[in-house]
Amino acid sequence: MNDPTPRPTYSRNESAAERLDRNYSELLQELRVAQTGVQILFAFLLTIPFQQRFNDIDAFQRTVYVVTLLCAAISALLLISPVSAHRVLFRRHRKDELVAFTGRVAAGGLIFLLAAMLGAVLLVVDWVANLSLALATVAGLGVIGMWFWWIQPVRWLAGTERLEPTDSAHDGDVGPEETNGSR
């Protein structure tokens, strides 16, 4: 799928400081989405042992639960850590290190978030149906998660596959004067 035509470059007319500020802002926006998901999952997992039927789970399910809880906790720690790093580095002219750190912990946090999501599905499907269906479900979801969260973006980055913009992306943004019910 390599297209021999050169890809138009996308560039901004911004200083290094403006680029770091924009990159950090974009990373924080990404983290807001992931943090919400992991915090809801983590809170849910924290309530499970207090349910009456928790004592009915077998040793495998208890192990899955503990590993899943730990994955959610690690994910939350990683995804929230840029906040404390920002506090430590604030006004110290270290935004480049903060951006690099935030990118790394975001990637790690997403890995543990996927593991926690898969663990939660494994636990619930095993409880509701059976272990075979749970393992098959988790395998399928794991492939989907890895594809969309890592493999496909890496393919775009490596240039082995291109994602063509939609027609609306070619048309440009619609300005306020063009939105009078025409779309």
Protein backbone atom coordinates (compact mmCIF):
# COMPACT_ATOMS: atom_id res chain seq x y z
CA MET A 1 0.00 0.00 0.00
CA ASN A 2 2.97 2.32 -0.33
CA ASP A 3 2.02 5.27 -2.47
CA PRO A 4 4.95 6.57 -4.53
CA THR A 5 3.61 10.11 -4.41
CA PRO A 6 5.23 12.16 -1.68
CA ARG A 7 3.07 12.83 1.32
CA PRO A 8 2.43 16.50 1.97
CA THR A 9 4.24 17.60 5.07
CA TYR A 10 2.35 19.12 7.89
CA SER A 11 4.19 21.80 9.74
CA ARG A 12 3.45 24.59 12.14
CA ASN A 13 5.15 27.89 12.45
CA GLU A 14 5.89 27.64 16.16
CA SER A 15 8.87 28.01 18.43
CA ALA A 16 10.33 25.09 20.35
CA ALA A 17 8.63 26.36 23.50
CA GLU A 18 5.27 26.63 21.74
CA ARG A 19 5.70 23.10 20.36
CA LEU A 20 6.47 21.72 23.84
CA ASP A 21 3.45 23.53 25.29
CA ARG A 22 1.20 22.15 22.52
CA ASN A 23 2.61 18.64 22.87
CA TYR A 24 2.11 18.69 26.62
CA SER A 25 -1.42 20.01 26.24
CA GLU A 26 -2.27 17.29 23.72
CA LEU A 27 -0.81 14.61 26.00
CA LEU A 28 -2.90 15.89 28.91
CA GLN A 29 -6.04 15.72 26.77
CA GLU A 30 -5.24 12.09 25.92
CA LEU A 31 -4.60 11.30 29.58
CA ARG A 32 -7.96 12.77 30.62
CA VAL A 33 -9.75 10.13 28.55
CA ALA A 34 -7.63 7.25 29.83
CA GLN A 35 -7.68 8.46 33.46
CA THR A 36 -11.46 8.51 33.53
CA GLY A 37 -11.65 4.95 32.23
CA VAL A 38 -9.08 3.53 34.61
CA GLN A 39 -10.50 5.35 37.62
CA ILE A 40 -14.00 3.99 36.97
CA LEU A 41 -12.64 0.46 36.44
CA PHE A 42 -10.43 0.73 39.54
CA ALA A 43 -13.32 1.94 41.70
CA PHE A 44 -15.50 -0.89 40.44
CA LEU A 45 -12.78 -3.44 41.21
CA LEU A 46 -12.32 -2.05 44.71
CA THR A 47 -15.98 -2.76 45.53
CA ILE A 48 -16.04 -6.39 44.36
CA PRO A 49 -14.59 -8.03 47.51
CA PHE A 50 -17.31 -6.43 49.60
CA GLN A 51 -20.06 -8.24 47.69
CA GLN A 52 -21.59 -11.29 49.38
CA ARG A 53 -20.85 -13.65 46.50
CA PHE A 54 -17.13 -12.78 46.36
CA ASN A 55 -16.45 -15.69 48.72
CA ASP A 56 -17.91 -18.05 46.10
CA ILE A 57 -15.17 -17.42 43.52
CA ASP A 58 -12.54 -20.08 42.98
CA ALA A 59 -8.75 -19.73 43.31
CA PHE A 60 -8.27 -18.93 39.60
CA GLN A 61 -10.89 -16.17 39.70
CA ARG A 62 -9.37 -14.76 42.89
CA THR A 63 -5.95 -14.65 41.19
CA VAL A 64 -7.44 -12.97 38.11
CA TYR A 65 -9.14 -10.46 40.38
CA VAL A 66 -5.95 -9.58 42.28
CA VAL A 67 -3.85 -9.27 39.10
CA THR A 68 -6.58 -7.15 37.47
CA LEU A 69 -6.81 -4.89 40.51
CA LEU A 70 -3.03 -4.44 40.51
CA CYS A 71 -3.01 -3.66 36.77
CA ALA A 72 -5.70 -1.03 37.29
CA ALA A 73 -3.78 0.47 40.22
CA ILE A 74 -0.53 0.60 38.24
CA SER A 75 -2.35 2.13 35.27
CA ALA A 76 -3.90 4.80 37.49
CA LEU A 77 -0.53 5.58 39.06
CA LEU A 78 1.16 5.91 35.67
CA LEU A 79 -1.60 7.96 34.08
CA ILE A 80 -1.81 10.35 37.03
CA SER A 81 1.97 10.68 37.56
CA PRO A 82 2.43 13.55 35.05
CA VAL A 83 0.50 15.77 37.48
CA SER A 84 3.04 15.28 40.27
CA ALA A 85 5.95 15.47 37.82
CA HIS A 86 4.58 18.81 36.61
CA ARG A 87 4.43 20.06 40.20
CA VAL A 88 8.07 19.12 40.78
CA LEU A 89 9.31 20.56 37.46
CA PHE A 90 7.04 23.64 37.36
CA ARG A 91 8.97 26.82 36.51
CA ARG A 92 12.26 24.93 36.27
CA HIS A 93 12.51 25.17 32.44
CA ARG A 94 12.31 21.37 32.05
CA LYS A 95 9.21 21.10 29.82
CA ASP A 96 11.12 18.94 27.29
CA GLU A 97 11.78 16.32 29.96
CA LEU A 98 8.21 16.59 31.22
CA VAL A 99 6.81 15.98 27.72
CA ALA A 100 9.10 12.96 27.21
CA PHE A 101 8.23 11.55 30.65
CA THR A 102 4.50 12.09 30.11
CA GLY A 103 4.60 10.29 26.77
CA ARG A 104 6.38 7.30 28.30
CA VAL A 105 4.14 6.92 31.33
CA ALA A 106 1.05 7.38 29.15
CA ALA A 107 2.17 4.43 27.01
CA GLY A 108 2.83 2.33 30.11
CA GLY A 109 -0.48 3.36 31.65
CA LEU A 110 -2.34 2.30 28.52
CA ILE A 111 -0.65 -1.10 28.54
CA PHE A 112 -1.75 -1.71 32.12
CA LEU A 113 -5.21 -0.31 31.36
CA LEU A 114 -5.65 -2.82 28.55
CA ALA A 115 -4.46 -5.61 30.86
CA ALA A 116 -6.93 -4.49 33.56
CA MET A 117 -9.79 -4.33 31.06
CA LEU A 118 -8.99 -7.80 29.79
CA GLY A 119 -8.70 -9.13 33.34
CA ALA A 120 -12.07 -7.66 34.28
CA VAL A 121 -13.70 -9.24 31.21
CA LEU A 122 -12.01 -12.56 31.98
CA LEU A 123 -13.33 -12.51 35.53
CA VAL A 124 -16.88 -11.56 34.61
CA VAL A 125 -17.28 -13.88 31.61
CA ASP A 126 -15.77 -16.77 33.58
CA TRP A 127 -18.26 -16.10 36.40
CA VAL A 128 -21.28 -15.62 34.14
CA ALA A 129 -20.55 -18.28 31.49
CA ASN A 130 -17.42 -20.43 31.67
CA LEU A 131 -13.65 -20.28 31.45
CA SER A 132 -13.43 -21.39 27.81
CA LEU A 133 -15.70 -18.61 26.62
CA ALA A 134 -13.90 -16.14 28.90
CA LEU A 135 -10.50 -17.04 27.44
CA ALA A 136 -11.79 -16.84 23.87
CA THR A 137 -13.43 -13.48 24.56
CA VAL A 138 -10.31 -12.05 26.16
CA ALA A 139 -8.13 -13.33 23.33
CA GLY A 140 -10.36 -11.61 20.78
CA LEU A 141 -10.54 -8.37 22.76
CA GLY A 142 -6.78 -8.48 23.30
CA VAL A 143 -6.17 -8.71 19.56
CA ILE A 144 -8.59 -5.84 18.92
CA GLY A 145 -7.01 -3.72 21.65
CA MET A 146 -3.47 -4.37 20.44
CA TRP A 147 -4.48 -3.65 16.85
CA PHE A 148 -6.13 -0.30 17.46
CA TRP A 149 -3.97 0.89 20.36
CA TRP A 150 -0.57 -0.11 19.01
CA ILE A 151 -0.17 -2.11 15.78
CA GLN A 152 -2.19 0.12 13.44
CA PRO A 153 -0.67 3.41 14.67
CA VAL A 154 2.82 1.89 14.35
CA ARG A 155 2.00 0.84 10.79
CA TRP A 156 1.03 4.43 9.96
CA LEU A 157 4.20 5.68 11.60
CA ALA A 158 6.37 3.19 9.73
CA GLY A 159 4.75 4.19 6.47
CA THR A 160 3.62 0.65 5.66
CA GLU A 161 0.04 1.84 5.51
CA ARG A 162 -1.57 5.22 5.01
CA LEU A 163 -4.79 6.49 6.42
CA GLU A 164 -6.40 8.64 3.79
CA PRO A 165 -8.13 11.77 5.05
CA THR A 166 -11.88 11.95 4.70
CA ASP A 167 -13.38 14.21 2.07
CA SER A 168 -14.34 16.74 4.74
CA ALA A 169 -10.68 16.95 5.80
CA HIS A 170 -9.76 17.93 2.23
CA ASP A 171 -12.48 20.59 2.16
CA GLY A 172 -11.04 22.43 5.12
CA ASP A 173 -12.78 23.63 8.22
CA VAL A 174 -16.19 25.17 7.94
CA GLY A 175 -16.17 28.72 9.19
CA PRO A 176 -19.01 30.27 11.16
CA GLU A 177 -20.28 32.05 8.04
CA GLU A 178 -20.73 28.69 6.30
CA THR A 179 -22.76 26.94 9.01
CA ASN A 180 -26.16 28.54 8.39
CA GLY A 181 -27.89 25.17 8.18
CA SER A 182 -26.07 24.24 4.96
CA ARG A 183 -24.49 21.15 6.50
